[in-house]
């Protein structure tokens, strides 16, 4: 689906921009622990932006396209919740934001499961 190709490409671009911002503008502003948190957000952001692009290209080719569409939605939700909460935690230091991160992780896992199930033939 073209919409998720666009979203995936923009998410990948944003990951590069946020990674560069972290490496250059934040390197002297964040503790090493918070920089690690921030970089984890960037890493998972890029992995799942690429995953979103992959799913977008596969949606109409898989036996169960509705599950593939849910995969794209869940990967996007996971990206926002997981990476977004890590960025917010690293930049603000508000540890309560870390409670959101596992919700993003669950969305990632559910998204990948939906993709796997979407490849199963219907019988």
PDB file of N, CA and C in Angstrom:
ATOM      1  N   UNK A   1       0.851  -1.172   0.000  1.00  0.00           N
ATOM      2  CA  UNK A   1       0.000   0.000   0.000  1.00  0.00           C
ATOM      3  C   UNK A   1       0.900   1.239   0.000  1.00  0.00           C
ATOM      4  N   UNK A   2       0.638   2.122  -0.926  1.00  0.00           N
ATOM      5  CA  UNK A   2       1.484   3.297  -1.139  1.00  0.00           C
ATOM      6  C   UNK A   2       1.594   4.167   0.111  1.00  0.00           C
ATOM      7  N   UNK A   3       0.515   4.289   0.863  1.00  0.00           N
ATOM      8  CA  UNK A   3       0.540   5.136   2.066  1.00  0.00           C
ATOM      9  C   UNK A   3       1.633   4.690   3.029  1.00  0.00           C
ATOM     10  N   UNK A   4       1.778   3.378   3.211  1.00  0.00           N
ATOM     11  CA  UNK A   4       2.779   2.893   4.149  1.00  0.00           C
ATOM     12  C   UNK A   4       4.191   2.941   3.574  1.00  0.00           C
ATOM     13  N   UNK A   5       4.335   2.950   2.262  1.00  0.00           N
ATOM     14  CA  UNK A   5       5.651   3.205   1.665  1.00  0.00           C
ATOM     15  C   UNK A   5       6.073   4.628   2.011  1.00  0.00           C
ATOM     16  N   UNK A   6       5.154   5.571   1.850  1.00  0.00           N
ATOM     17  CA  UNK A   6       5.457   6.967   2.190  1.00  0.00           C
ATOM     18  C   UNK A   6       5.788   7.116   3.672  1.00  0.00           C
ATOM     19  N   UNK A   7       4.964   6.516   4.515  1.00  0.00           N
ATOM     20  CA  UNK A   7       5.191   6.615   5.961  1.00  0.00           C
ATOM     21  C   UNK A   7       6.526   5.964   6.331  1.00  0.00           C
ATOM     22  N   UNK A   8       6.811   4.789   5.768  1.00  0.00           N
ATOM     23  CA  UNK A   8       8.074   4.105   6.055  1.00  0.00           C
ATOM     24  C   UNK A   8       9.280   4.906   5.614  1.00  0.00           C
ATOM     25  N   UNK A   9       9.179   5.510   4.423  1.00  0.00           N
ATOM     26  CA  UNK A   9      10.293   6.326   3.932  1.00  0.00           C
ATOM     27  C   UNK A   9      10.495   7.551   4.814  1.00  0.00           C
ATOM     28  N   UNK A  10       9.412   8.187   5.211  1.00  0.00           N
ATOM     29  CA  UNK A  10       9.530   9.349   6.104  1.00  0.00           C
ATOM     30  C   UNK A  10      10.061   8.945   7.476  1.00  0.00           C
ATOM     31  N   UNK A  11       9.637   7.787   7.959  1.00  0.00           N
ATOM     32  CA  UNK A  11      10.136   7.303   9.251  1.00  0.00           C
ATOM     33  C   UNK A  11      11.636   7.025   9.179  1.00  0.00           C
ATOM     34  N   UNK A  12      12.094   6.443   8.070  1.00  0.00           N
ATOM     35  CA  UNK A  12      13.532   6.181   7.909  1.00  0.00           C
ATOM     36  C   UNK A  12      14.310   7.493   7.846  1.00  0.00           C
ATOM     37  N   UNK A  13      13.789   8.455   7.101  1.00  0.00           N
ATOM     38  CA  UNK A  13      14.438   9.773   7.023  1.00  0.00           C
ATOM     39  C   UNK A  13      14.510  10.410   8.409  1.00  0.00           C
ATOM     40  N   UNK A  14      13.433  10.322   9.154  1.00  0.00           N
ATOM     41  CA  UNK A  14      13.407  10.900  10.494  1.00  0.00           C
ATOM     42  C   UNK A  14      14.403  10.204  11.411  1.00  0.00           C
ATOM     43  N   UNK A  15      14.568   8.906  11.254  1.00  0.00           N
ATOM     44  CA  UNK A  15      15.544   8.166  12.050  1.00  0.00           C
ATOM     45  C   UNK A  15      16.957   8.672  11.787  1.00  0.00           C
ATOM     46  N   UNK A  16      17.279   8.899  10.520  1.00  0.00           N
ATOM     47  CA  UNK A  16      18.603   9.432  10.169  1.00  0.00           C
ATOM     48  C   UNK A  16      18.785  10.825  10.772  1.00  0.00           C
ATOM     49  N   UNK A  17      17.768  11.664  10.633  1.00  0.00           N
ATOM     50  CA  UNK A  17      17.857  13.031  11.163  1.00  0.00           C
ATOM     51  C   UNK A  17      18.009  13.021  12.679  1.00  0.00           C
ATOM     52  N   UNK A  18      17.226  12.189  13.366  1.00  0.00           N
ATOM     53  CA  UNK A  18      17.322  12.123  14.832  1.00  0.00           C
ATOM     54  C   UNK A  18      18.645  11.515  15.279  1.00  0.00           C
ATOM     55  N   UNK A  19      19.144  10.554  14.513  1.00  0.00           N
ATOM     56  CA  UNK A  19      20.458   9.983  14.826  1.00  0.00           C
ATOM     57  C   UNK A  19      21.559  11.018  14.702  1.00  0.00           C
ATOM     58  N   UNK A  20      21.509  11.799  13.635  1.00  0.00           N
ATOM     59  CA  UNK A  20      22.512  12.862  13.440  1.00  0.00           C
ATOM     60  C   UNK A  20      22.383  13.925  14.527  1.00  0.00           C
ATOM     61  N   UNK A  21      21.155  14.290  14.857  1.00  0.00           N
ATOM     62  CA  UNK A  21      20.920  15.262  15.930  1.00  0.00           C
ATOM     63  C   UNK A  21      21.518  14.760  17.242  1.00  0.00           C
ATOM     64  N   UNK A  22      21.285  13.492  17.538  1.00  0.00           N
ATOM     65  CA  UNK A  22      21.823  12.923  18.769  1.00  0.00           C
ATOM     66  C   UNK A  22      23.340  12.901  18.774  1.00  0.00           C
ATOM     67  N   UNK A  23      23.917  12.499  17.645  1.00  0.00           N
ATOM     68  CA  UNK A  23      25.375  12.386  17.566  1.00  0.00           C
ATOM     69  C   UNK A  23      26.079  13.734  17.642  1.00  0.00           C
ATOM     70  N   UNK A  24      25.431  14.770  17.135  1.00  0.00           N
ATOM     71  CA  UNK A  24      26.101  16.066  17.067  1.00  0.00           C
ATOM     72  C   UNK A  24      25.617  17.056  18.128  1.00  0.00           C
ATOM     73  N   UNK A  25      24.323  17.215  18.254  1.00  0.00           N
ATOM     74  CA  UNK A  25      23.800  18.241  19.157  1.00  0.00           C
ATOM     75  C   UNK A  25      23.665  17.766  20.599  1.00  0.00           C
ATOM     76  N   UNK A  26      23.496  16.458  20.779  1.00  0.00           N
ATOM     77  CA  UNK A  26      23.243  15.971  22.137  1.00  0.00           C
ATOM     78  C   UNK A  26      24.446  15.312  22.800  1.00  0.00           C
ATOM     79  N   UNK A  27      25.518  15.101  22.052  1.00  0.00           N
ATOM     80  CA  UNK A  27      26.641  14.335  22.600  1.00  0.00           C
ATOM     81  C   UNK A  27      27.213  14.947  23.878  1.00  0.00           C
ATOM     82  N   UNK A  28      27.173  16.260  24.000  1.00  0.00           N
ATOM     83  CA  UNK A  28      27.689  16.911  25.208  1.00  0.00           C
ATOM     84  C   UNK A  28      26.583  17.274  26.195  1.00  0.00           C
ATOM     85  N   UNK A  29      25.333  17.019  25.818  1.00  0.00           N
ATOM     86  CA  UNK A  29      24.190  17.398  26.652  1.00  0.00           C
ATOM     87  C   UNK A  29      23.640  16.242  27.482  1.00  0.00           C
ATOM     88  N   UNK A  30      23.799  15.028  26.987  1.00  0.00           N
ATOM     89  CA  UNK A  30      23.224  13.867  27.662  1.00  0.00           C
ATOM     90  C   UNK A  30      24.317  13.051  28.349  1.00  0.00           C
ATOM     91  N   UNK A  31      23.949  12.409  29.452  1.00  0.00           N
ATOM     92  CA  UNK A  31      24.871  11.466  30.085  1.00  0.00           C
ATOM     93  C   UNK A  31      25.069  10.284  29.137  1.00  0.00           C
ATOM     94  N   UNK A  32      26.081   9.492  29.390  1.00  0.00           N
ATOM     95  CA  UNK A  32      26.323   8.339  28.509  1.00  0.00           C
ATOM     96  C   UNK A  32      25.158   7.349  28.576  1.00  0.00           C
ATOM     97  N   UNK A  33      24.553   7.200  29.763  1.00  0.00           N
ATOM     98  CA  UNK A  33      23.393   6.309  29.884  1.00  0.00           C
ATOM     99  C   UNK A  33      22.216   6.817  29.054  1.00  0.00           C
ATOM    100  N   UNK A  34      21.937   8.115  29.130  1.00  0.00           N
ATOM    101  CA  UNK A  34      20.825   8.673  28.367  1.00  0.00           C
ATOM    102  C   UNK A  34      21.128   8.700  26.871  1.00  0.00           C
ATOM    103  N   UNK A  35      22.396   8.831  26.503  1.00  0.00           N
ATOM    104  CA  UNK A  35      22.760   8.748  25.089  1.00  0.00           C
ATOM    105  C   UNK A  35      22.524   7.329  24.578  1.00  0.00           C
ATOM    106  N   UNK A  36      22.828   6.336  25.406  1.00  0.00           N
ATOM    107  CA  UNK A  36      22.548   4.944  25.027  1.00  0.00           C
ATOM    108  C   UNK A  36      21.047   4.727  24.827  1.00  0.00           C
ATOM    109  N   UNK A  37      20.236   5.294  25.712  1.00  0.00           N
ATOM    110  CA  UNK A  37      18.781   5.198  25.580  1.00  0.00           C
ATOM    111  C   UNK A  37      18.343   5.834  24.263  1.00  0.00           C
ATOM    112  N   UNK A  38      18.845   7.012  23.987  1.00  0.00           N
ATOM    113  CA  UNK A  38      18.499   7.736  22.763  1.00  0.00           C
ATOM    114  C   UNK A  38      18.904   6.917  21.534  1.00  0.00           C
ATOM    115  N   UNK A  39      20.113   6.375  21.538  1.00  0.00           N
ATOM    116  CA  UNK A  39      20.605   5.597  20.392  1.00  0.00           C
ATOM    117  C   UNK A  39      19.808   4.309  20.203  1.00  0.00           C
ATOM    118  N   UNK A  40      19.344   3.715  21.296  1.00  0.00           N
ATOM    119  CA  UNK A  40      18.472   2.544  21.169  1.00  0.00           C
ATOM    120  C   UNK A  40      17.187   2.934  20.451  1.00  0.00           C
ATOM    121  N   UNK A  41      16.648   4.088  20.787  1.00  0.00           N
ATOM    122  CA  UNK A  41      15.461   4.586  20.089  1.00  0.00           C
ATOM    123  C   UNK A  41      15.712   4.760  18.604  1.00  0.00           C
ATOM    124  N   UNK A  42      16.858   5.339  18.254  1.00  0.00           N
ATOM    125  CA  UNK A  42      17.214   5.547  16.840  1.00  0.00           C
ATOM    126  C   UNK A  42      17.358   4.212  16.125  1.00  0.00           C
ATOM    127  N   UNK A  43      18.025   3.264  16.767  1.00  0.00           N
ATOM    128  CA  UNK A  43      18.266   1.966  16.146  1.00  0.00           C
ATOM    129  C   UNK A  43      16.953   1.234  15.856  1.00  0.00           C
ATOM    130  N   UNK A  44      16.088   1.148  16.854  1.00  0.00           N
ATOM    131  CA  UNK A  44      14.801   0.474  16.654  1.00  0.00           C
ATOM    132  C   UNK A  44      13.917   1.262  15.690  1.00  0.00           C
ATOM    133  N   UNK A  45      14.055   2.568  15.683  1.00  0.00           N
ATOM    134  CA  UNK A  45      13.315   3.416  14.754  1.00  0.00           C
ATOM    135  C   UNK A  45      13.661   3.020  13.317  1.00  0.00           C
ATOM    136  N   UNK A  46      14.951   2.922  13.009  1.00  0.00           N
ATOM    137  CA  UNK A  46      15.359   2.577  11.649  1.00  0.00           C
ATOM    138  C   UNK A  46      14.978   1.149  11.297  1.00  0.00           C
ATOM    139  N   UNK A  47      15.222   0.208  12.206  1.00  0.00           N
ATOM    140  CA  UNK A  47      14.867  -1.185  11.918  1.00  0.00           C
ATOM    141  C   UNK A  47      13.394  -1.300  11.536  1.00  0.00           C
ATOM    142  N   UNK A  48      12.551  -0.627  12.286  1.00  0.00           N
ATOM    143  CA  UNK A  48      11.124  -0.780  12.061  1.00  0.00           C
ATOM    144  C   UNK A  48      10.601   0.112  10.942  1.00  0.00           C
ATOM    145  N   UNK A  49      11.315   1.177  10.613  1.00  0.00           N
ATOM    146  CA  UNK A  49      10.973   1.940   9.406  1.00  0.00           C
ATOM    147  C   UNK A  49      11.226   1.066   8.177  1.00  0.00           C
ATOM    148  N   UNK A  50      12.336   0.359   8.168  1.00  0.00           N
ATOM    149  CA  UNK A  50      12.635  -0.559   7.064  1.00  0.00           C
ATOM    150  C   UNK A  50      11.618  -1.700   7.054  1.00  0.00           C
ATOM    151  N   UNK A  51      11.273  -2.197   8.228  1.00  0.00           N
ATOM    152  CA  UNK A  51      10.239  -3.230   8.318  1.00  0.00           C
ATOM    153  C   UNK A  51       8.915  -2.740   7.762  1.00  0.00           C
ATOM    154  N   UNK A  52       8.566  -1.516   8.070  1.00  0.00           N
ATOM    155  CA  UNK A  52       7.324  -0.928   7.571  1.00  0.00           C
ATOM    156  C   UNK A  52       7.358  -0.841   6.044  1.00  0.00           C
ATOM    157  N   UNK A  53       8.489  -0.456   5.483  1.00  0.00           N
ATOM    158  CA  UNK A  53       8.635  -0.434   4.015  1.00  0.00           C
ATOM    159  C   UNK A  53       8.463  -1.840   3.430  1.00  0.00           C
ATOM    160  N   UNK A  54       9.066  -2.817   4.068  1.00  0.00           N
ATOM    161  CA  UNK A  54       8.943  -4.199   3.613  1.00  0.00           C
ATOM    162  C   UNK A  54       7.489  -4.646   3.623  1.00  0.00           C
ATOM    163  N   UNK A  55       6.814  -4.404   4.723  1.00  0.00           N
ATOM    164  CA  UNK A  55       5.405  -4.794   4.832  1.00  0.00           C
ATOM    165  C   UNK A  55       4.576  -4.081   3.768  1.00  0.00           C
ATOM    166  N   UNK A  56       4.830  -2.793   3.576  1.00  0.00           N
ATOM    167  CA  UNK A  56       4.079  -2.024   2.579  1.00  0.00           C
ATOM    168  C   UNK A  56       4.214  -2.634   1.191  1.00  0.00           C
ATOM    169  N   UNK A  57       5.394  -3.121   0.861  1.00  0.00           N
ATOM    170  CA  UNK A  57       5.617  -3.719  -0.448  1.00  0.00           C
ATOM    171  C   UNK A  57       4.977  -5.097  -0.567  1.00  0.00           C
ATOM    172  N   UNK A  58       4.738  -5.746   0.569  1.00  0.00           N
ATOM    173  CA  UNK A  58       4.192  -7.104   0.564  1.00  0.00           C
ATOM    174  C   UNK A  58       2.674  -7.174   0.738  1.00  0.00           C
ATOM    175  N   UNK A  59       2.059  -6.129   1.239  1.00  0.00           N
ATOM    176  CA  UNK A  59       0.646  -6.187   1.625  1.00  0.00           C
ATOM    177  C   UNK A  59      -0.230  -6.846   0.570  1.00  0.00           C
ATOM    178  N   UNK A  60      -0.136  -6.405  -0.651  1.00  0.00           N
ATOM    179  CA  UNK A  60      -1.038  -6.905  -1.690  1.00  0.00           C
ATOM    180  C   UNK A  60      -0.571  -8.215  -2.314  1.00  0.00           C
ATOM    181  N   UNK A  61       0.588  -8.700  -1.902  1.00  0.00           N
ATOM    182  CA  UNK A  61       1.125  -9.946  -2.458  1.00  0.00           C
ATOM    183  C   UNK A  61       0.895 -11.141  -1.531  1.00  0.00           C
ATOM    184  N   UNK A  62       0.486 -10.889  -0.314  1.00  0.00           N
ATOM    185  CA  UNK A  62       0.348 -11.953   0.672  1.00  0.00           C
ATOM    186  C   UNK A  62      -1.069 -12.525   0.675  1.00  0.00           C
ATOM    187  N   UNK A  63      -1.207 -13.796   1.083  1.00  0.00           N
ATOM    188  CA  UNK A  63      -2.529 -14.429   1.085  1.00  0.00           C
ATOM    189  C   UNK A  63      -3.551 -13.747   2.001  1.00  0.00           C
ATOM    190  N   UNK A  64      -3.079 -13.107   3.043  1.00  0.00           N
ATOM    191  CA  UNK A  64      -3.974 -12.449   3.999  1.00  0.00           C
ATOM    192  C   UNK A  64      -3.579 -10.975   4.125  1.00  0.00           C
ATOM    193  N   UNK A  65      -3.968 -10.154   3.154  1.00  0.00           N
ATOM    194  CA  UNK A  65      -3.530  -8.759   3.153  1.00  0.00           C
ATOM    195  C   UNK A  65      -4.049  -7.942   4.340  1.00  0.00           C
ATOM    196  N   UNK A  66      -5.197  -8.328   4.907  1.00  0.00           N
ATOM    197  CA  UNK A  66      -5.697  -7.572   6.062  1.00  0.00           C
ATOM    198  C   UNK A  66      -4.765  -7.730   7.260  1.00  0.00           C
ATOM    199  N   UNK A  67      -4.216  -8.926   7.437  1.00  0.00           N
ATOM    200  CA  UNK A  67      -3.246  -9.121   8.523  1.00  0.00           C
ATOM    201  C   UNK A  67      -1.956  -8.355   8.240  1.00  0.00           C
ATOM    202  N   UNK A  68      -1.558  -8.303   6.979  1.00  0.00           N
ATOM    203  CA  UNK A  68      -0.363  -7.530   6.627  1.00  0.00           C
ATOM    204  C   UNK A  68      -0.594  -6.043   6.887  1.00  0.00           C
ATOM    205  N   UNK A  69      -1.793  -5.571   6.613  1.00  0.00           N
ATOM    206  CA  UNK A  69      -2.115  -4.172   6.902  1.00  0.00           C
ATOM    207  C   UNK A  69      -2.053  -3.917   8.403  1.00  0.00           C
ATOM    208  N   UNK A  70      -2.552  -4.859   9.194  1.00  0.00           N
ATOM    209  CA  UNK A  70      -2.438  -4.718  10.652  1.00  0.00           C
ATOM    210  C   UNK A  70      -0.979  -4.746  11.095  1.00  0.00           C
ATOM    211  N   UNK A  71      -0.163  -5.530  10.402  1.00  0.00           N
ATOM    212  CA  UNK A  71       1.266  -5.541  10.701  1.00  0.00           C
ATOM    213  C   UNK A  71       1.848  -4.147  10.533  1.00  0.00           C
ATOM    214  N   UNK A  72       1.519  -3.487   9.417  1.00  0.00           N
ATOM    215  CA  UNK A  72       2.023  -2.130   9.167  1.00  0.00           C
ATOM    216  C   UNK A  72       1.551  -1.171  10.256  1.00  0.00           C
ATOM    217  N   UNK A  73       0.292  -1.263  10.619  1.00  0.00           N
ATOM    218  CA  UNK A  73      -0.253  -0.376  11.653  1.00  0.00           C
ATOM    219  C   UNK A  73       0.445  -0.591  12.989  1.00  0.00           C
ATOM    220  N   UNK A  74       0.658  -1.854  13.336  1.00  0.00           N
ATOM    221  CA  UNK A  74       1.290  -2.166  14.626  1.00  0.00           C
ATOM    222  C   UNK A  74       2.760  -1.765  14.641  1.00  0.00           C
ATOM    223  N   UNK A  75       3.464  -1.961  13.522  1.00  0.00           N
ATOM    224  CA  UNK A  75       4.863  -1.523  13.475  1.00  0.00           C
ATOM    225  C   UNK A  75       4.961  -0.013  13.617  1.00  0.00           C
ATOM    226  N   UNK A  76       4.040   0.710  12.991  1.00  0.00           N
ATOM    227  CA  UNK A  76       4.038   2.168  13.124  1.00  0.00           C
ATOM    228  C   UNK A  76       3.722   2.580  14.562  1.00  0.00           C
ATOM    229  N   UNK A  77       2.725   1.935  15.168  1.00  0.00           N
ATOM    230  CA  UNK A  77       2.392   2.240  16.566  1.00  0.00           C
ATOM    231  C   UNK A  77       3.582   1.932  17.471  1.00  0.00           C
ATOM    232  N   UNK A  78       4.236   0.804  17.228  1.00  0.00           N
ATOM    233  CA  UNK A  78       5.406   0.448  18.019  1.00  0.00           C
ATOM    234  C   UNK A  78       6.525   1.448  17.864  1.00  0.00           C
ATOM    235  N   UNK A  79       6.722   1.909  16.650  1.00  0.00           N
ATOM    236  CA  UNK A  79       7.767   2.901  16.386  1.00  0.00           C
ATOM    237  C   UNK A  79       7.507   4.166  17.199  1.00  0.00           C
ATOM    238  N   UNK A  80       6.283   4.633  17.174  1.00  0.00           N
ATOM    239  CA  UNK A  80       5.939   5.859  17.912  1.00  0.00           C
ATOM    240  C   UNK A  80       6.075   5.629  19.421  1.00  0.00           C
ATOM    241  N   UNK A  81       5.513   4.523  19.910  1.00  0.00           N
ATOM    242  CA  UNK A  81       5.525   4.274  21.352  1.00  0.00           C
ATOM    243  C   UNK A  81       6.911   3.916  21.873  1.00  0.00           C
ATOM    244  N   UNK A  82       7.592   3.007  21.188  1.00  0.00           N
ATOM    245  CA  UNK A  82       8.889   2.537  21.669  1.00  0.00           C
ATOM    246  C   UNK A  82       9.953   3.619  21.498  1.00  0.00           C
ATOM    247  N   UNK A  83      10.214   3.980  20.257  1.00  0.00           N
ATOM    248  CA  UNK A  83      11.273   4.967  20.019  1.00  0.00           C
ATOM    249  C   UNK A  83      10.890   6.333  20.576  1.00  0.00           C
ATOM    250  N   UNK A  84       9.640   6.720  20.401  1.00  0.00           N
ATOM    251  CA  UNK A  84       9.189   8.014  20.920  1.00  0.00           C
ATOM    252  C   UNK A  84       9.376   8.133  22.420  1.00  0.00           C
ATOM    253  N   UNK A  85       9.051   7.061  23.138  1.00  0.00           N
ATOM    254  CA  UNK A  85       9.204   7.121  24.599  1.00  0.00           C
ATOM    255  C   UNK A  85      10.680   7.155  24.994  1.00  0.00           C
ATOM    256  N   UNK A  86      11.529   6.472  24.230  1.00  0.00           N
ATOM    257  CA  UNK A  86      12.962   6.518  24.539  1.00  0.00           C
ATOM    258  C   UNK A  86      13.545   7.894  24.253  1.00  0.00           C
ATOM    259  N   UNK A  87      13.119   8.519  23.151  1.00  0.00           N
ATOM    260  CA  UNK A  87      13.578   9.880  22.868  1.00  0.00           C
ATOM    261  C   UNK A  87      13.136  10.818  23.987  1.00  0.00           C
ATOM    262  N   UNK A  88      11.874  10.709  24.363  1.00  0.00           N
ATOM    263  CA  UNK A  88      11.341  11.593  25.407  1.00  0.00           C
ATOM    264  C   UNK A  88      12.046  11.358  26.744  1.00  0.00           C
ATOM    265  N   UNK A  89      12.292  10.109  27.076  1.00  0.00           N
ATOM    266  CA  UNK A  89      12.991   9.776  28.316  1.00  0.00           C
ATOM    267  C   UNK A  89      14.403  10.362  28.308  1.00  0.00           C
ATOM    268  N   UNK A  90      15.131  10.143  27.209  1.00  0.00           N
ATOM    269  CA  UNK A  90      16.519  10.635  27.132  1.00  0.00           C
ATOM    270  C   UNK A  90      16.581  12.155  27.201  1.00  0.00           C
ATOM    271  N   UNK A  91      15.652  12.826  26.551  1.00  0.00           N
ATOM    272  CA  UNK A  91      15.692  14.288  26.496  1.00  0.00           C
ATOM    273  C   UNK A  91      15.150  14.957  27.755  1.00  0.00           C
ATOM    274  N   UNK A  92      14.193  14.298  28.425  1.00  0.00           N
ATOM    275  CA  UNK A  92      13.566  14.926  29.590  1.00  0.00           C
ATOM    276  C   UNK A  92      14.087  14.394  30.920  1.00  0.00           C
ATOM    277  N   UNK A  93      14.553  13.153  30.920  1.00  0.00           N
ATOM    278  CA  UNK A  93      14.970  12.524  32.163  1.00  0.00           C
ATOM    279  C   UNK A  93      13.811  12.041  33.019  1.00  0.00           C
ATOM    280  N   UNK A  94      12.585  12.162  32.530  1.00  0.00           N
ATOM    281  CA  UNK A  94      11.396  11.719  33.270  1.00  0.00           C
ATOM    282  C   UNK A  94      11.296  10.204  33.134  1.00  0.00           C
ATOM    283  N   UNK A  95      11.681   9.510  34.198  1.00  0.00           N
ATOM    284  CA  UNK A  95      11.765   8.054  34.151  1.00  0.00           C
ATOM    285  C   UNK A  95      10.419   7.373  33.940  1.00  0.00           C
ATOM    286  N   UNK A  96       9.332   8.022  34.308  1.00  0.00           N
ATOM    287  CA  UNK A  96       8.001   7.434  34.125  1.00  0.00           C
ATOM    288  C   UNK A  96       7.712   7.161  32.648  1.00  0.00           C
ATOM    289  N   UNK A  97       8.360   7.892  31.760  1.00  0.00           N
ATOM    290  CA  UNK A  97       8.168   7.673  30.326  1.00  0.00           C
ATOM    291  C   UNK A  97       8.649   6.287  29.897  1.00  0.00           C
ATOM    292  N   UNK A  98       9.557   5.720  30.659  1.00  0.00           N
ATOM    293  CA  UNK A  98      10.039   4.371  30.373  1.00  0.00           C
ATOM    294  C   UNK A  98       8.953   3.323  30.471  1.00  0.00           C
ATOM    295  N   UNK A  99       7.858   3.636  31.155  1.00  0.00           N
ATOM    296  CA  UNK A  99       6.744   2.688  31.270  1.00  0.00           C
ATOM    297  C   UNK A  99       6.005   2.519  29.948  1.00  0.00           C
ATOM    298  N   UNK A 100       6.149   3.465  29.043  1.00  0.00           N
ATOM    299  CA  UNK A 100       5.484   3.392  27.739  1.00  0.00           C
ATOM    300  C   UNK A 100       6.248   2.478  26.789  1.00  0.00           C
ATOM    301  N   UNK A 101       7.549   2.403  26.959  1.00  0.00           N
ATOM    302  CA  UNK A 101       8.410   1.663  26.034  1.00  0.00           C
ATOM    303  C   UNK A 101       7.968   0.216  25.831  1.00  0.00           C
ATOM    304  N   UNK A 102       7.642  -0.549  26.882  1.00  0.00           N
ATOM    305  CA  UNK A 102       7.212  -1.934  26.654  1.00  0.00           C
ATOM    306  C   UNK A 102       5.942  -2.055  25.805  1.00  0.00           C
ATOM    307  N   UNK A 103       5.073  -1.055  25.871  1.00  0.00           N
ATOM    308  CA  UNK A 103       3.878  -1.094  25.015  1.00  0.00           C
ATOM    309  C   UNK A 103       4.285  -1.050  23.546  1.00  0.00           C
ATOM    310  N   UNK A 104       5.284  -0.244  23.243  1.00  0.00           N
ATOM    311  CA  UNK A 104       5.814  -0.204  21.882  1.00  0.00           C
ATOM    312  C   UNK A 104       6.450  -1.523  21.494  1.00  0.00           C
ATOM    313  N   UNK A 105       7.150  -2.134  22.435  1.00  0.00           N
ATOM    314  CA  UNK A 105       7.758  -3.441  22.172  1.00  0.00           C
ATOM    315  C   UNK A 105       6.709  -4.505  21.874  1.00  0.00           C
ATOM    316  N   UNK A 106       5.614  -4.470  22.610  1.00  0.00           N
ATOM    317  CA  UNK A 106       4.518  -5.414  22.361  1.00  0.00           C
ATOM    318  C   UNK A 106       3.913  -5.157  20.984  1.00  0.00           C
ATOM    319  N   UNK A 107       3.763  -3.895  20.611  1.00  0.00           N
ATOM    320  CA  UNK A 107       3.235  -3.571  19.282  1.00  0.00           C
ATOM    321  C   UNK A 107       4.176  -4.087  18.191  1.00  0.00           C
ATOM    322  N   UNK A 108       5.490  -3.938  18.393  1.00  0.00           N
ATOM    323  CA  UNK A 108       6.451  -4.481  17.426  1.00  0.00           C
ATOM    324  C   UNK A 108       6.264  -5.991  17.279  1.00  0.00           C
ATOM    325  N   UNK A 109       6.222  -6.680  18.401  1.00  0.00           N
ATOM    326  CA  UNK A 109       6.087  -8.144  18.374  1.00  0.00           C
ATOM    327  C   UNK A 109       4.790  -8.543  17.682  1.00  0.00           C
ATOM    328  N   UNK A 110       3.697  -7.885  18.036  1.00  0.00           N
ATOM    329  CA  UNK A 110       2.403  -8.196  17.412  1.00  0.00           C
ATOM    330  C   UNK A 110       2.439  -7.913  15.920  1.00  0.00           C
ATOM    331  N   UNK A 111       3.111  -6.847  15.525  1.00  0.00           N
ATOM    332  CA  UNK A 111       3.227  -6.528  14.101  1.00  0.00           C
ATOM    333  C   UNK A 111       3.965  -7.604  13.333  1.00  0.00           C
ATOM    334  N   UNK A 112       5.058  -8.090  13.892  1.00  0.00           N
ATOM    335  CA  UNK A 112       5.806  -9.147  13.210  1.00  0.00           C
ATOM    336  C   UNK A 112       5.018 -10.452  13.179  1.00  0.00           C
ATOM    337  N   UNK A 113       4.273 -10.730  14.243  1.00  0.00           N
ATOM    338  CA  UNK A 113       3.415 -11.928  14.245  1.00  0.00           C
ATOM    339  C   UNK A 113       2.347 -11.804  13.167  1.00  0.00           C
ATOM    340  N   UNK A 114       1.724 -10.627  13.057  1.00  0.00           N
ATOM    341  CA  UNK A 114       0.715 -10.420  12.009  1.00  0.00           C
ATOM    342  C   UNK A 114       1.310 -10.628  10.623  1.00  0.00           C
ATOM    343  N   UNK A 115       2.532 -10.170  10.419  1.00  0.00           N
ATOM    344  CA  UNK A 115       3.165 -10.369   9.116  1.00  0.00           C
ATOM    345  C   UNK A 115       3.366 -11.849   8.849  1.00  0.00           C
ATOM    346  N   UNK A 116       3.849 -12.576   9.837  1.00  0.00           N
ATOM    347  CA  UNK A 116       4.047 -14.020   9.665  1.00  0.00           C
ATOM    348  C   UNK A 116       2.717 -14.712   9.354  1.00  0.00           C
ATOM    349  N   UNK A 117       1.677 -14.358  10.084  1.00  0.00           N
ATOM    350  CA  UNK A 117       0.372 -14.980   9.861  1.00  0.00           C
ATOM    351  C   UNK A 117      -0.225 -14.580   8.510  1.00  0.00           C
ATOM    352  N   UNK A 118       0.101 -13.387   8.042  1.00  0.00           N
ATOM    353  CA  UNK A 118      -0.443 -12.944   6.757  1.00  0.00           C
ATOM    354  C   UNK A 118       0.135 -13.755   5.599  1.00  0.00           C
ATOM    355  N   UNK A 119       1.259 -14.396   5.827  1.00  0.00           N
ATOM    356  CA  UNK A 119       1.886 -15.203   4.782  1.00  0.00           C
ATOM    357  C   UNK A 119       1.334 -16.629   4.735  1.00  0.00           C
ATOM    358  N   UNK A 120       0.519 -16.988   5.726  1.00  0.00           N
ATOM    359  CA  UNK A 120      -0.074 -18.325   5.731  1.00  0.00           C
ATOM    360  C   UNK A 120      -1.205 -18.387   4.718  1.00  0.00           C
ATOM    361  N   UNK A 121      -1.248 -19.473   3.982  1.00  0.00           N
ATOM    362  CA  UNK A 121      -2.334 -19.605   2.998  1.00  0.00           C
ATOM    363  C   UNK A 121      -3.649 -19.842   3.711  1.00  0.00           C
ATOM    364  N   UNK A 122      -4.701 -19.366   3.103  1.00  0.00           N
ATOM    365  CA  UNK A 122      -6.038 -19.542   3.669  1.00  0.00           C
ATOM    366  C   UNK A 122      -6.564 -20.909   3.244  1.00  0.00           C
ATOM    367  N   UNK A 123      -7.062 -21.639   4.209  1.00  0.00           N
ATOM    368  CA  UNK A 123      -7.634 -22.956   3.901  1.00  0.00           C
ATOM    369  C   UNK A 123      -8.996 -23.067   4.485  1.00  0.00           C
TER     370      UNK A 123
END
